[in-house]
Amino acid sequence: MDYKVLFLLTITIMYVKIVAYATVAFATFIQGEEMLKFMKSLNNISRAQASYRNSRISCDGICAANHAFVLAICKNPGRSQEELSRELCLNKSTVTRALSHLEENGYITRTQSKEDKRQSAVYPTEKMLDIFPRIKEISMEWNVLVSQDIPENELEIFYSVLNRMEARAKEINEKEEK
């Protein structure tokens, strides 16, 4: 599995996790037992993945929720907080809090953007670059384990459908933000 697929899966899972939590809350409140099995399954997969990642890495100040940030920042250093917010499908305040935590623990630095003084460019430190290979490895291990025994053609169809759903969900979020 190449890095692009790994990164896409990780970002997709983070987004699905957010959607799943909202859906679970809505379904529990409004629909009770009629909760969509699909969203419940995605929520359970997401929680299992977070538990797996947390049990596999022991870095000060890094937890499963930070893995997507490590992958995104190391993949494209210097991107803005707003770009990270869009890519990870997280609101700006959540990204700001996560980045503050990473900065306090020595994993990133933020510098004022030369193009837009209101924006900060986010860069990984050596400390983050040192854990980056392990984060990638843990993500690949999980993806191999969770997709084990599923034929490649079924996975391709699943990824295709999931990518279209992700694109549609991002469009909806962008419209809602306006």
C-alpha atoms as a PDB file:
ATOM      1  CA  MET A   1       0.000   0.000   0.000  1.00  0.00           C
ATOM      2  CA  ASP A   2       1.622   3.272  -1.055  1.00  0.00           C
ATOM      3  CA  TYR A   3       1.879   6.469   0.988  1.00  0.00           C
ATOM      4  CA  LYS A   4      -0.873   8.266  -0.940  1.00  0.00           C
ATOM      5  CA  VAL A   5      -3.376   5.478  -0.246  1.00  0.00           C
ATOM      6  CA  LEU A   6      -2.270   5.322   3.394  1.00  0.00           C
ATOM      7  CA  PHE A   7      -2.668   9.066   3.797  1.00  0.00           C
ATOM      8  CA  LEU A   8      -6.066   9.047   2.070  1.00  0.00           C
ATOM      9  CA  LEU A   9      -7.267   6.210   4.282  1.00  0.00           C
ATOM     10  CA  THR A  10      -6.096   7.971   7.432  1.00  0.00           C
ATOM     11  CA  ILE A  11      -7.737  11.269   6.465  1.00  0.00           C
ATOM     12  CA  THR A  12     -10.896   9.452   5.390  1.00  0.00           C
ATOM     13  CA  ILE A  13     -11.078   7.591   8.669  1.00  0.00           C
ATOM     14  CA  MET A  14     -10.632  10.844  10.635  1.00  0.00           C
ATOM     15  CA  TYR A  15     -13.433  12.461   8.659  1.00  0.00           C
ATOM     16  CA  VAL A  16     -15.646   9.411   8.957  1.00  0.00           C
ATOM     17  CA  LYS A  17     -15.018   9.426  12.699  1.00  0.00           C
ATOM     18  CA  ILE A  18     -16.348  12.972  12.996  1.00  0.00           C
ATOM     19  CA  VAL A  19     -19.364  12.198  10.830  1.00  0.00           C
ATOM     20  CA  ALA A  20     -19.935   8.974  12.735  1.00  0.00           C
ATOM     21  CA  TYR A  21     -19.949  10.712  16.107  1.00  0.00           C
ATOM     22  CA  ALA A  22     -22.446  13.275  14.873  1.00  0.00           C
ATOM     23  CA  THR A  23     -24.586  10.590  13.272  1.00  0.00           C
ATOM     24  CA  VAL A  24     -24.499   8.405  16.359  1.00  0.00           C
ATOM     25  CA  ALA A  25     -25.556  11.337  18.517  1.00  0.00           C
ATOM     26  CA  PHE A  26     -28.352  12.251  16.103  1.00  0.00           C
ATOM     27  CA  ALA A  27     -29.498   8.683  15.611  1.00  0.00           C
ATOM     28  CA  THR A  28     -29.491   7.962  19.312  1.00  0.00           C
ATOM     29  CA  PHE A  29     -31.467  11.110  20.043  1.00  0.00           C
ATOM     30  CA  ILE A  30     -33.947  10.947  17.160  1.00  0.00           C
ATOM     31  CA  GLN A  31     -34.010   7.444  15.732  1.00  0.00           C
ATOM     32  CA  GLY A  32     -33.043   5.211  18.646  1.00  0.00           C
ATOM     33  CA  GLU A  33     -32.556   1.647  17.453  1.00  0.00           C
ATOM     34  CA  GLU A  34     -32.902   2.619  13.802  1.00  0.00           C
ATOM     35  CA  MET A  35     -29.331   3.938  13.658  1.00  0.00           C
ATOM     36  CA  LEU A  36     -27.738   3.219  10.333  1.00  0.00           C
ATOM     37  CA  LYS A  37     -25.617   0.091  10.576  1.00  0.00           C
ATOM     38  CA  PHE A  38     -23.130   1.647   8.177  1.00  0.00           C
ATOM     39  CA  MET A  39     -22.358   4.616  10.407  1.00  0.00           C
ATOM     40  CA  LYS A  40     -22.257   2.457  13.522  1.00  0.00           C
ATOM     41  CA  SER A  41     -19.739   0.166  11.836  1.00  0.00           C
ATOM     42  CA  LEU A  42     -17.563   3.081  10.756  1.00  0.00           C
ATOM     43  CA  ASN A  43     -17.678   4.504  14.259  1.00  0.00           C
ATOM     44  CA  ASN A  44     -16.617   1.165  15.751  1.00  0.00           C
ATOM     45  CA  ILE A  45     -13.801   0.788  13.218  1.00  0.00           C
ATOM     46  CA  SER A  46     -12.598   4.304  13.997  1.00  0.00           C
ATOM     47  CA  ARG A  47     -12.555   3.687  17.752  1.00  0.00           C
ATOM     48  CA  ALA A  48     -10.771   0.359  17.283  1.00  0.00           C
ATOM     49  CA  GLN A  49      -8.195   2.066  15.084  1.00  0.00           C
ATOM     50  CA  ALA A  50      -7.573   4.773  17.702  1.00  0.00           C
ATOM     51  CA  SER A  51      -7.100   2.121  20.366  1.00  0.00           C
ATOM     52  CA  TYR A  52      -4.709   0.193  18.125  1.00  0.00           C
ATOM     53  CA  ARG A  53      -2.657   3.291  17.336  1.00  0.00           C
ATOM     54  CA  ASN A  54      -2.523   4.368  20.994  1.00  0.00           C
ATOM     55  CA  SER A  55      -1.267   0.933  22.036  1.00  0.00           C
ATOM     56  CA  ARG A  56       1.484   0.967  19.406  1.00  0.00           C
ATOM     57  CA  ILE A  57       3.175   4.292  20.059  1.00  0.00           C
ATOM     58  CA  SER A  58       4.450   5.821  23.229  1.00  0.00           C
ATOM     59  CA  CYS A  59       5.612   9.336  22.474  1.00  0.00           C
ATOM     60  CA  ASP A  60       5.164  12.191  24.882  1.00  0.00           C
ATOM     61  CA  GLY A  61       2.287  14.342  23.728  1.00  0.00           C
ATOM     62  CA  ILE A  62       1.214  12.129  20.814  1.00  0.00           C
ATOM     63  CA  CYS A  63      -2.046  10.190  20.763  1.00  0.00           C
ATOM     64  CA  ALA A  64      -4.143   8.599  18.038  1.00  0.00           C
ATOM     65  CA  ALA A  65      -5.885  11.908  17.319  1.00  0.00           C
ATOM     66  CA  ASN A  66      -2.520  13.442  16.379  1.00  0.00           C
ATOM     67  CA  HIS A  67      -1.595  10.812  13.782  1.00  0.00           C
ATOM     68  CA  ALA A  68      -3.446  12.549  10.935  1.00  0.00           C
ATOM     69  CA  PHE A  69      -1.699  15.819  11.831  1.00  0.00           C
ATOM     70  CA  VAL A  70       1.716  14.116  11.765  1.00  0.00           C
ATOM     71  CA  LEU A  71       0.984  12.583   8.353  1.00  0.00           C
ATOM     72  CA  ALA A  72      -0.429  15.811   6.887  1.00  0.00           C
ATOM     73  CA  ILE A  73       2.291  18.128   8.229  1.00  0.00           C
ATOM     74  CA  CYS A  74       5.186  15.857   7.270  1.00  0.00           C
ATOM     75  CA  LYS A  75       3.684  15.231   3.825  1.00  0.00           C
ATOM     76  CA  ASN A  76       3.416  18.933   3.059  1.00  0.00           C
ATOM     77  CA  PRO A  77       5.385  21.156   5.461  1.00  0.00           C
ATOM     78  CA  GLY A  78       4.516  24.835   5.521  1.00  0.00           C
ATOM     79  CA  ARG A  79       0.813  24.575   4.871  1.00  0.00           C
ATOM     80  CA  SER A  80      -1.508  26.883   6.742  1.00  0.00           C
ATOM     81  CA  GLN A  81      -3.782  25.981   9.624  1.00  0.00           C
ATOM     82  CA  GLU A  82      -6.724  26.705   7.335  1.00  0.00           C
ATOM     83  CA  GLU A  83      -5.433  24.213   4.759  1.00  0.00           C
ATOM     84  CA  LEU A  84      -5.034  21.603   7.484  1.00  0.00           C
ATOM     85  CA  SER A  85      -8.562  22.341   8.664  1.00  0.00           C
ATOM     86  CA  ARG A  86      -9.953  21.721   5.169  1.00  0.00           C
ATOM     87  CA  GLU A  87      -7.881  18.622   4.509  1.00  0.00           C
ATOM     88  CA  LEU A  88      -8.627  16.971   7.847  1.00  0.00           C
ATOM     89  CA  CYS A  89     -12.281  18.101   7.866  1.00  0.00           C
ATOM     90  CA  LEU A  90     -11.905  19.658  11.288  1.00  0.00           C
ATOM     91  CA  ASN A  91     -13.086  23.058  12.419  1.00  0.00           C
ATOM     92  CA  LYS A  92     -10.470  25.762  12.815  1.00  0.00           C
ATOM     93  CA  SER A  93     -10.637  25.869  16.607  1.00  0.00           C
ATOM     94  CA  THR A  94     -10.005  22.107  16.837  1.00  0.00           C
ATOM     95  CA  VAL A  95      -6.994  22.449  14.534  1.00  0.00           C
ATOM     96  CA  THR A  96      -5.700  25.418  16.546  1.00  0.00           C
ATOM     97  CA  ARG A  97      -5.968  23.458  19.816  1.00  0.00           C
ATOM     98  CA  ALA A  98      -4.285  20.388  18.333  1.00  0.00           C
ATOM     99  CA  LEU A  99      -1.473  22.468  16.851  1.00  0.00           C
ATOM    100  CA  SER A 100      -0.976  24.316  20.135  1.00  0.00           C
ATOM    101  CA  HIS A 101      -0.632  20.948  21.865  1.00  0.00           C
ATOM    102  CA  LEU A 102       1.861  19.720  19.255  1.00  0.00           C
ATOM    103  CA  GLU A 103       3.826  22.974  19.482  1.00  0.00           C
ATOM    104  CA  GLU A 104       3.957  22.843  23.304  1.00  0.00           C
ATOM    105  CA  ASN A 105       5.329  19.307  23.073  1.00  0.00           C
ATOM    106  CA  GLY A 106       7.986  20.266  20.517  1.00  0.00           C
ATOM    107  CA  TYR A 107       6.535  18.558  17.440  1.00  0.00           C
ATOM    108  CA  ILE A 108       5.839  21.607  15.258  1.00  0.00           C
ATOM    109  CA  THR A 109       6.761  25.216  14.755  1.00  0.00           C
ATOM    110  CA  ARG A 110       4.451  27.886  13.392  1.00  0.00           C
ATOM    111  CA  THR A 111       5.640  30.917  11.508  1.00  0.00           C
ATOM    112  CA  GLN A 112       3.692  33.856  10.174  1.00  0.00           C
ATOM    113  CA  SER A 113       2.903  33.414   6.492  1.00  0.00           C
ATOM    114  CA  LYS A 114       4.687  35.825   4.162  1.00  0.00           C
ATOM    115  CA  GLU A 115       1.663  35.952   1.841  1.00  0.00           C
ATOM    116  CA  ASP A 116      -1.000  36.499   4.504  1.00  0.00           C
ATOM    117  CA  LYS A 117       0.046  37.866   7.892  1.00  0.00           C
ATOM    118  CA  ARG A 118      -3.146  36.448   9.451  1.00  0.00           C
ATOM    119  CA  GLN A 119      -2.083  32.887   8.606  1.00  0.00           C
ATOM    120  CA  SER A 120       0.522  30.638  10.220  1.00  0.00           C
ATOM    121  CA  ALA A 121       2.595  28.173   8.259  1.00  0.00           C
ATOM    122  CA  VAL A 122       3.063  24.870  10.118  1.00  0.00           C
ATOM    123  CA  TYR A 123       6.368  22.969   9.974  1.00  0.00           C
ATOM    124  CA  PRO A 124       7.443  19.689  11.562  1.00  0.00           C
ATOM    125  CA  THR A 125      10.375  19.712  13.968  1.00  0.00           C
ATOM    126  CA  GLU A 126      13.033  17.001  14.074  1.00  0.00           C
ATOM    127  CA  LYS A 127      11.036  15.433  16.903  1.00  0.00           C
ATOM    128  CA  MET A 128       8.019  15.009  14.599  1.00  0.00           C
ATOM    129  CA  LEU A 129      10.141  13.869  11.679  1.00  0.00           C
ATOM    130  CA  ASP A 130      11.644  11.203  13.958  1.00  0.00           C
ATOM    131  CA  ILE A 131       8.221   9.690  14.773  1.00  0.00           C
ATOM    132  CA  PHE A 132       6.821  10.095  11.250  1.00  0.00           C
ATOM    133  CA  PRO A 133       8.093   6.700   9.973  1.00  0.00           C
ATOM    134  CA  ARG A 134       6.593   4.911  13.000  1.00  0.00           C
ATOM    135  CA  ILE A 135       3.231   6.661  12.525  1.00  0.00           C
ATOM    136  CA  LYS A 136       3.197   5.584   8.863  1.00  0.00           C
ATOM    137  CA  GLU A 137       4.142   2.042   9.850  1.00  0.00           C
ATOM    138  CA  ILE A 138       1.375   1.826  12.462  1.00  0.00           C
ATOM    139  CA  SER A 139      -1.181   3.120   9.950  1.00  0.00           C
ATOM    140  CA  MET A 140      -0.052   0.593   7.341  1.00  0.00           C
ATOM    141  CA  GLU A 141      -0.194  -2.240   9.887  1.00  0.00           C
ATOM    142  CA  TRP A 142      -3.772  -1.299  10.783  1.00  0.00           C
ATOM    143  CA  ASN A 143      -4.850  -1.055   7.154  1.00  0.00           C
ATOM    144  CA  VAL A 144      -3.372  -4.466   6.379  1.00  0.00           C
ATOM    145  CA  LEU A 145      -4.993  -6.042   9.440  1.00  0.00           C
ATOM    146  CA  VAL A 146      -8.436  -4.522   8.904  1.00  0.00           C
ATOM    147  CA  SER A 147      -8.538  -5.321   5.186  1.00  0.00           C
ATOM    148  CA  GLN A 148      -7.054  -8.800   5.523  1.00  0.00           C
ATOM    149  CA  ASP A 149      -8.964 -11.477   3.613  1.00  0.00           C
ATOM    150  CA  ILE A 150     -10.936  -8.918   1.604  1.00  0.00           C
ATOM    151  CA  PRO A 151     -10.359  -9.366  -2.131  1.00  0.00           C
ATOM    152  CA  GLU A 152      -8.544  -6.508  -3.867  1.00  0.00           C
ATOM    153  CA  ASN A 153     -11.429  -5.860  -6.271  1.00  0.00           C
ATOM    154  CA  GLU A 154     -13.840  -5.417  -3.341  1.00  0.00           C
ATOM    155  CA  LEU A 155     -11.425  -3.005  -1.659  1.00  0.00           C
ATOM    156  CA  GLU A 156     -11.139  -0.973  -4.863  1.00  0.00           C
ATOM    157  CA  ILE A 157     -14.922  -0.647  -5.071  1.00  0.00           C
ATOM    158  CA  PHE A 158     -15.110   0.253  -1.379  1.00  0.00           C
ATOM    159  CA  TYR A 159     -12.410   2.944  -1.728  1.00  0.00           C
ATOM    160  CA  SER A 160     -14.123   4.337  -4.812  1.00  0.00           C
ATOM    161  CA  VAL A 161     -17.472   4.652  -3.053  1.00  0.00           C
ATOM    162  CA  LEU A 162     -15.858   6.012   0.110  1.00  0.00           C
ATOM    163  CA  ASN A 163     -13.915   8.626  -1.886  1.00  0.00           C
ATOM    164  CA  ARG A 164     -17.096   9.822  -3.579  1.00  0.00           C
ATOM    165  CA  MET A 165     -18.880  10.012  -0.225  1.00  0.00           C
ATOM    166  CA  GLU A 166     -15.947  11.947   1.216  1.00  0.00           C
ATOM    167  CA  ALA A 167     -15.994  14.417  -1.672  1.00  0.00           C
ATOM    168  CA  ARG A 168     -19.738  14.918  -1.278  1.00  0.00           C
ATOM    169  CA  ALA A 169     -19.382  15.361   2.490  1.00  0.00           C
ATOM    170  CA  LYS A 170     -16.649  17.987   1.979  1.00  0.00           C
ATOM    171  CA  GLU A 171     -18.893  19.845  -0.479  1.00  0.00           C
ATOM    172  CA  ILE A 172     -21.706  19.857   2.078  1.00  0.00           C
ATOM    173  CA  ASN A 173     -19.358  21.142   4.781  1.00  0.00           C
ATOM    174  CA  GLU A 174     -18.063  23.916   2.541  1.00  0.00           C
ATOM    175  CA  LYS A 175     -21.626  25.031   1.754  1.00  0.00           C
ATOM    176  CA  GLU A 176     -22.518  24.969   5.457  1.00  0.00           C
ATOM    177  CA  GLU A 177     -19.488  27.110   6.359  1.00  0.00           C
ATOM    178  CA  LYS A 178     -20.562  29.889   3.983  1.00  0.00           C
END
